[in-house]
Structure formats: structure tokens, C-alpha cells
Amino acid sequence: MLDCIVGGDESPEFLRQSRMMADHWGANGVQTRYEALPGLNHFTVLGPLLDADSALVKRIVELAKGA
């Protein structure tokens, strides 16, 4: 499993490369997910980890449980 989570306010090239990485891994048999979080960038993208109710924390919990 590979989750490519990026800030939606990143440059178009950064977003393209992140999407391309998810697509490449997916084409090679890995279950992937790509998401650009609105309003965030590489300095703030980890901010949702401070909120136990955020979608990002919920996703990490799912992954830890093997979902």
C-alpha cells in the first residue's frame, strides 16, 4: 500500500510528480492512493496529524489496523 498525500497548494510539477509516483506503483501491482489536501503545502501538510479527528489520522489508523 502506498498513499501519496501532498499539499494541494504545491507547485503543479510537485503535484504531477506525486500523482505519477502513485500511478507508477499502481501499474506495478501496488495498491495506491493519491490525495492533494486543499490549502496545504510542504510546510503545513503534516498539520492534520495534530487533530485526532482528521481524515489523515483516520487513514493512518486504518492502515495500522490492516484495512
PDB file of N, CA and C in Angstrom:
ATOM      1  N   MET A   1       0.850  -1.167   0.000  1.00  0.00           N
ATOM      2  CA  MET A   1       0.000   0.000   0.000  1.00  0.00           C
ATOM      3  C   MET A   1       0.898   1.233   0.000  1.00  0.00           C
ATOM      4  N   LEU A   2       0.580   2.160  -0.884  1.00  0.00           N
ATOM      5  CA  LEU A   2       1.301   3.425  -0.954  1.00  0.00           C
ATOM      6  C   LEU A   2       0.290   4.562  -1.023  1.00  0.00           C
ATOM      7  N   ASP A   3       0.305   5.429  -0.038  1.00  0.00           N
ATOM      8  CA  ASP A   3      -0.508   6.642  -0.054  1.00  0.00           C
ATOM      9  C   ASP A   3       0.413   7.814  -0.373  1.00  0.00           C
ATOM     10  N   CYS A   4       0.108   8.529  -1.423  1.00  0.00           N
ATOM     11  CA  CYS A   4       0.841   9.748  -1.777  1.00  0.00           C
ATOM     12  C   CYS A   4      -0.049  10.919  -1.370  1.00  0.00           C
ATOM     13  N   ILE A   5       0.250  11.500  -0.240  1.00  0.00           N
ATOM     14  CA  ILE A   5      -0.528  12.613   0.291  1.00  0.00           C
ATOM     15  C   ILE A   5       0.329  13.862   0.166  1.00  0.00           C
ATOM     16  N   VAL A   6      -0.195  14.866  -0.504  1.00  0.00           N
ATOM     17  CA  VAL A   6       0.550  16.101  -0.739  1.00  0.00           C
ATOM     18  C   VAL A   6      -0.342  17.291  -0.433  1.00  0.00           C
ATOM     19  N   GLY A   7       0.291  18.432  -0.237  1.00  0.00           N
ATOM     20  CA  GLY A   7      -0.462  19.671  -0.054  1.00  0.00           C
ATOM     21  C   GLY A   7      -0.995  20.149  -1.394  1.00  0.00           C
ATOM     22  N   GLY A   8      -2.251  20.514  -1.427  1.00  0.00           N
ATOM     23  CA  GLY A   8      -2.867  20.981  -2.656  1.00  0.00           C
ATOM     24  C   GLY A   8      -2.299  22.288  -3.172  1.00  0.00           C
ATOM     25  N   ASP A   9      -1.601  23.030  -2.301  1.00  0.00           N
ATOM     26  CA  ASP A   9      -1.011  24.302  -2.714  1.00  0.00           C
ATOM     27  C   ASP A   9       0.428  24.153  -3.210  1.00  0.00           C
ATOM     28  N   GLU A  10       0.848  22.918  -3.448  1.00  0.00           N
ATOM     29  CA  GLU A  10       2.183  22.703  -4.005  1.00  0.00           C
ATOM     30  C   GLU A  10       2.196  23.131  -5.472  1.00  0.00           C
ATOM     31  N   SER A  11       3.385  23.188  -6.040  1.00  0.00           N
ATOM     32  CA  SER A  11       3.511  23.564  -7.449  1.00  0.00           C
ATOM     33  C   SER A  11       2.878  22.481  -8.330  1.00  0.00           C
ATOM     34  N   PRO A  12       2.432  22.871  -9.516  1.00  0.00           N
ATOM     35  CA  PRO A  12       1.887  21.877 -10.435  1.00  0.00           C
ATOM     36  C   PRO A  12       2.863  20.732 -10.707  1.00  0.00           C
ATOM     37  N   GLU A  13       4.143  21.019 -10.775  1.00  0.00           N
ATOM     38  CA  GLU A  13       5.137  19.975 -11.030  1.00  0.00           C
ATOM     39  C   GLU A  13       5.231  19.006  -9.861  1.00  0.00           C
ATOM     40  N   PHE A  14       5.193  19.515  -8.640  1.00  0.00           N
ATOM     41  CA  PHE A  14       5.235  18.641  -7.461  1.00  0.00           C
ATOM     42  C   PHE A  14       4.009  17.738  -7.443  1.00  0.00           C
ATOM     43  N   LEU A  15       2.844  18.316  -7.728  1.00  0.00           N
ATOM     44  CA  LEU A  15       1.609  17.527  -7.767  1.00  0.00           C
ATOM     45  C   LEU A  15       1.688  16.468  -8.868  1.00  0.00           C
ATOM     46  N   ARG A  16       2.193  16.839 -10.029  1.00  0.00           N
ATOM     47  CA  ARG A  16       2.320  15.906 -11.147  1.00  0.00           C
ATOM     48  C   ARG A  16       3.235  14.744 -10.783  1.00  0.00           C
ATOM     49  N   GLN A  17       4.374  15.064 -10.170  1.00  0.00           N
ATOM     50  CA  GLN A  17       5.320  14.010  -9.804  1.00  0.00           C
ATOM     51  C   GLN A  17       4.728  13.066  -8.760  1.00  0.00           C
ATOM     52  N   SER A  18       4.001  13.610  -7.816  1.00  0.00           N
ATOM     53  CA  SER A  18       3.377  12.778  -6.780  1.00  0.00           C
ATOM     54  C   SER A  18       2.326  11.859  -7.390  1.00  0.00           C
ATOM     55  N   ARG A  19       1.501  12.405  -8.289  1.00  0.00           N
ATOM     56  CA  ARG A  19       0.489  11.607  -8.980  1.00  0.00           C
ATOM     57  C   ARG A  19       1.172  10.525  -9.830  1.00  0.00           C
ATOM     58  N   MET A  20       2.243  10.896 -10.512  1.00  0.00           N
ATOM     59  CA  MET A  20       2.973   9.952 -11.357  1.00  0.00           C
ATOM     60  C   MET A  20       3.546   8.806 -10.526  1.00  0.00           C
ATOM     61  N   MET A  21       4.055   9.109  -9.329  1.00  0.00           N
ATOM     62  CA  MET A  21       4.599   8.063  -8.467  1.00  0.00           C
ATOM     63  C   MET A  21       3.498   7.077  -8.068  1.00  0.00           C
ATOM     64  N   ALA A  22       2.338   7.599  -7.682  1.00  0.00           N
ATOM     65  CA  ALA A  22       1.226   6.716  -7.321  1.00  0.00           C
ATOM     66  C   ALA A  22       0.791   5.875  -8.514  1.00  0.00           C
ATOM     67  N   ASP A  23       0.713   6.496  -9.684  1.00  0.00           N
ATOM     68  CA  ASP A  23       0.315   5.770 -10.888  1.00  0.00           C
ATOM     69  C   ASP A  23       1.328   4.687 -11.254  1.00  0.00           C
ATOM     70  N   HIS A  24       2.614   5.007 -11.139  1.00  0.00           N
ATOM     71  CA  HIS A  24       3.666   4.039 -11.487  1.00  0.00           C
ATOM     72  C   HIS A  24       3.616   2.833 -10.544  1.00  0.00           C
ATOM     73  N   TRP A  25       3.541   3.096  -9.259  1.00  0.00           N
ATOM     74  CA  TRP A  25       3.473   1.990  -8.307  1.00  0.00           C
ATOM     75  C   TRP A  25       2.204   1.169  -8.539  1.00  0.00           C
ATOM     76  N   GLY A  26       1.089   1.868  -8.808  1.00  0.00           N
ATOM     77  CA  GLY A  26      -0.163   1.163  -9.057  1.00  0.00           C
ATOM     78  C   GLY A  26      -0.083   0.271 -10.279  1.00  0.00           C
ATOM     79  N   ALA A  27       0.582   0.741 -11.326  1.00  0.00           N
ATOM     80  CA  ALA A  27       0.740  -0.045 -12.545  1.00  0.00           C
ATOM     81  C   ALA A  27       1.621  -1.265 -12.325  1.00  0.00           C
ATOM     82  N   ASN A  28       2.346  -1.258 -11.217  1.00  0.00           N
ATOM     83  CA  ASN A  28       3.236  -2.379 -10.896  1.00  0.00           C
ATOM     84  C   ASN A  28       2.699  -3.231  -9.757  1.00  0.00           C
ATOM     85  N   GLY A  29       1.376  -3.179  -9.565  1.00  0.00           N
ATOM     86  CA  GLY A  29       0.724  -4.101  -8.644  1.00  0.00           C
ATOM     87  C   GLY A  29       0.546  -3.629  -7.216  1.00  0.00           C
ATOM     88  N   VAL A  30       0.946  -2.414  -6.912  1.00  0.00           N
ATOM     89  CA  VAL A  30       0.804  -1.911  -5.551  1.00  0.00           C
ATOM     90  C   VAL A  30      -0.503  -1.126  -5.445  1.00  0.00           C
ATOM     91  N   GLN A  31      -1.257  -1.381  -4.397  1.00  0.00           N
ATOM     92  CA  GLN A  31      -2.473  -0.608  -4.169  1.00  0.00           C
ATOM     93  C   GLN A  31      -2.053   0.794  -3.735  1.00  0.00           C
ATOM     94  N   THR A  32      -2.499   1.808  -4.457  1.00  0.00           N
ATOM     95  CA  THR A  32      -2.078   3.177  -4.163  1.00  0.00           C
ATOM     96  C   THR A  32      -3.272   4.096  -3.991  1.00  0.00           C
ATOM     97  N   ARG A  33      -2.969   5.238  -3.398  1.00  0.00           N
ATOM     98  CA  ARG A  33      -3.959   6.293  -3.230  1.00  0.00           C
ATOM     99  C   ARG A  33      -3.210   7.612  -3.327  1.00  0.00           C
ATOM    100  N   TYR A  34      -3.767   8.548  -4.064  1.00  0.00           N
ATOM    101  CA  TYR A  34      -3.191   9.887  -4.199  1.00  0.00           C
ATOM    102  C   TYR A  34      -4.222  10.877  -3.685  1.00  0.00           C
ATOM    103  N   GLU A  35      -3.760  11.833  -2.890  1.00  0.00           N
ATOM    104  CA  GLU A  35      -4.659  12.882  -2.417  1.00  0.00           C
ATOM    105  C   GLU A  35      -3.873  14.167  -2.224  1.00  0.00           C
ATOM    106  N   ALA A  36      -4.422  15.244  -2.748  1.00  0.00           N
ATOM    107  CA  ALA A  36      -3.861  16.575  -2.532  1.00  0.00           C
ATOM    108  C   ALA A  36      -4.764  17.286  -1.525  1.00  0.00           C
ATOM    109  N   LEU A  37      -4.221  17.592  -0.363  1.00  0.00           N
ATOM    110  CA  LEU A  37      -5.008  18.215   0.701  1.00  0.00           C
ATOM    111  C   LEU A  37      -5.118  19.721   0.456  1.00  0.00           C
ATOM    112  N   PRO A  38      -6.329  20.223   0.282  1.00  0.00           N
ATOM    113  CA  PRO A  38      -6.536  21.633  -0.063  1.00  0.00           C
ATOM    114  C   PRO A  38      -5.939  22.590   0.970  1.00  0.00           C
ATOM    115  N   GLY A  39      -5.344  23.656   0.458  1.00  0.00           N
ATOM    116  CA  GLY A  39      -4.846  24.721   1.320  1.00  0.00           C
ATOM    117  C   GLY A  39      -3.543  24.429   2.043  1.00  0.00           C
ATOM    118  N   LEU A  40      -2.928  23.273   1.770  1.00  0.00           N
ATOM    119  CA  LEU A  40      -1.706  22.901   2.483  1.00  0.00           C
ATOM    120  C   LEU A  40      -0.527  22.840   1.516  1.00  0.00           C
ATOM    121  N   ASN A  41       0.674  22.945   2.077  1.00  0.00           N
ATOM    122  CA  ASN A  41       1.901  22.832   1.287  1.00  0.00           C
ATOM    123  C   ASN A  41       2.885  21.967   2.072  1.00  0.00           C
ATOM    124  N   HIS A  42       4.136  21.900   1.608  1.00  0.00           N
ATOM    125  CA  HIS A  42       5.092  21.001   2.258  1.00  0.00           C
ATOM    126  C   HIS A  42       5.473  21.429   3.667  1.00  0.00           C
ATOM    127  N   PHE A  43       5.157  22.665   4.049  1.00  0.00           N
ATOM    128  CA  PHE A  43       5.399  23.105   5.426  1.00  0.00           C
ATOM    129  C   PHE A  43       4.220  22.767   6.336  1.00  0.00           C
ATOM    130  N   THR A  44       3.017  22.683   5.782  1.00  0.00           N
ATOM    131  CA  THR A  44       1.812  22.536   6.599  1.00  0.00           C
ATOM    132  C   THR A  44       1.083  21.213   6.419  1.00  0.00           C
ATOM    133  N   VAL A  45       1.527  20.366   5.493  1.00  0.00           N
ATOM    134  CA  VAL A  45       0.791  19.150   5.167  1.00  0.00           C
ATOM    135  C   VAL A  45       0.682  18.182   6.350  1.00  0.00           C
ATOM    136  N   LEU A  46       1.582  18.261   7.298  1.00  0.00           N
ATOM    137  CA  LEU A  46       1.502  17.380   8.467  1.00  0.00           C
ATOM    138  C   LEU A  46       0.625  17.942   9.578  1.00  0.00           C
ATOM    139  N   GLY A  47       0.152  19.165   9.420  1.00  0.00           N
ATOM    140  CA  GLY A  47      -0.710  19.788  10.421  1.00  0.00           C
ATOM    141  C   GLY A  47      -1.910  18.947  10.825  1.00  0.00           C
ATOM    142  N   PRO A  48      -2.592  18.288   9.880  1.00  0.00           N
ATOM    143  CA  PRO A  48      -3.741  17.472  10.270  1.00  0.00           C
ATOM    144  C   PRO A  48      -3.412  16.352  11.253  1.00  0.00           C
ATOM    145  N   LEU A  49      -2.148  15.991  11.381  1.00  0.00           N
ATOM    146  CA  LEU A  49      -1.785  14.951  12.354  1.00  0.00           C
ATOM    147  C   LEU A  49      -2.011  15.403  13.792  1.00  0.00           C
ATOM    148  N   LEU A  50      -2.148  16.711  14.006  1.00  0.00           N
ATOM    149  CA  LEU A  50      -2.408  17.238  15.344  1.00  0.00           C
ATOM    150  C   LEU A  50      -3.876  17.126  15.737  1.00  0.00           C
ATOM    151  N   ASP A  51      -4.733  16.760  14.802  1.00  0.00           N
ATOM    152  CA  ASP A  51      -6.175  16.648  15.039  1.00  0.00           C
ATOM    153  C   ASP A  51      -6.570  15.176  14.958  1.00  0.00           C
ATOM    154  N   ALA A  52      -6.898  14.601  16.096  1.00  0.00           N
ATOM    155  CA  ALA A  52      -7.233  13.174  16.151  1.00  0.00           C
ATOM    156  C   ALA A  52      -8.434  12.818  15.286  1.00  0.00           C
ATOM    157  N   ASP A  53      -9.265  13.793  14.957  1.00  0.00           N
ATOM    158  CA  ASP A  53     -10.451  13.540  14.139  1.00  0.00           C
ATOM    159  C   ASP A  53     -10.228  13.822  12.653  1.00  0.00           C
ATOM    160  N   SER A  54      -9.006  14.162  12.267  1.00  0.00           N
ATOM    161  CA  SER A  54      -8.752  14.485  10.855  1.00  0.00           C
ATOM    162  C   SER A  54      -8.790  13.226   9.988  1.00  0.00           C
ATOM    163  N   ALA A  55      -9.072  13.438   8.717  1.00  0.00           N
ATOM    164  CA  ALA A  55      -9.087  12.324   7.764  1.00  0.00           C
ATOM    165  C   ALA A  55      -7.716  11.657   7.673  1.00  0.00           C
ATOM    166  N   LEU A  56      -6.655  12.446   7.810  1.00  0.00           N
ATOM    167  CA  LEU A  56      -5.307  11.884   7.728  1.00  0.00           C
ATOM    168  C   LEU A  56      -5.022  10.936   8.891  1.00  0.00           C
ATOM    169  N   VAL A  57      -5.403  11.324  10.097  1.00  0.00           N
ATOM    170  CA  VAL A  57      -5.215  10.446  11.259  1.00  0.00           C
ATOM    171  C   VAL A  57      -6.087   9.197  11.115  1.00  0.00           C
ATOM    172  N   LYS A  58      -7.314   9.375  10.651  1.00  0.00           N
ATOM    173  CA  LYS A  58      -8.193   8.217  10.465  1.00  0.00           C
ATOM    174  C   LYS A  58      -7.606   7.246   9.441  1.00  0.00           C
ATOM    175  N   ARG A  59      -6.984   7.770   8.391  1.00  0.00           N
ATOM    176  CA  ARG A  59      -6.356   6.919   7.387  1.00  0.00           C
ATOM    177  C   ARG A  59      -5.188   6.141   7.992  1.00  0.00           C
ATOM    178  N   ILE A  60      -4.388   6.797   8.809  1.00  0.00           N
ATOM    179  CA  ILE A  60      -3.258   6.120   9.449  1.00  0.00           C
ATOM    180  C   ILE A  60      -3.754   5.002  10.360  1.00  0.00           C
ATOM    181  N   VAL A  61      -4.825   5.255  11.074  1.00  0.00           N
ATOM    182  CA  VAL A  61      -5.419   4.222  11.933  1.00  0.00           C
ATOM    183  C   VAL A  61      -5.891   3.038  11.096  1.00  0.00           C
ATOM    184  N   GLU A  62      -6.554   3.325   9.967  1.00  0.00           N
ATOM    185  CA  GLU A  62      -6.986   2.248   9.059  1.00  0.00           C
ATOM    186  C   GLU A  62      -5.795   1.409   8.608  1.00  0.00           C
ATOM    187  N   LEU A  63      -4.724   2.094   8.201  1.00  0.00           N
ATOM    188  CA  LEU A  63      -3.544   1.370   7.738  1.00  0.00           C
ATOM    189  C   LEU A  63      -2.926   0.534   8.852  1.00  0.00           C
ATOM    190  N   ALA A  64      -2.901   1.074  10.070  1.00  0.00           N
ATOM    191  CA  ALA A  64      -2.319   0.350  11.192  1.00  0.00           C
ATOM    192  C   ALA A  64      -3.138  -0.911  11.533  1.00  0.00           C
ATOM    193  N   LYS A  65      -4.438  -0.827  11.274  1.00  0.00           N
ATOM    194  CA  LYS A  65      -5.305  -1.974  11.531  1.00  0.00           C
ATOM    195  C   LYS A  65      -5.293  -2.975  10.390  1.00  0.00           C
ATOM    196  N   GLY A  66      -4.599  -2.616   9.298  1.00  0.00           N
ATOM    197  CA  GLY A  66      -4.534  -3.514   8.160  1.00  0.00           C
ATOM    198  C   GLY A  66      -5.735  -3.424   7.249  1.00  0.00           C
ATOM    199  N   ALA A  67      -6.438  -2.298   7.289  1.00  0.00           N
ATOM    200  CA  ALA A  67      -7.655  -2.136   6.462  1.00  0.00           C
ATOM    201  C   ALA A  67      -7.323  -1.973   5.006  1.00  0.00           C
TER     202      ALA A  67
END
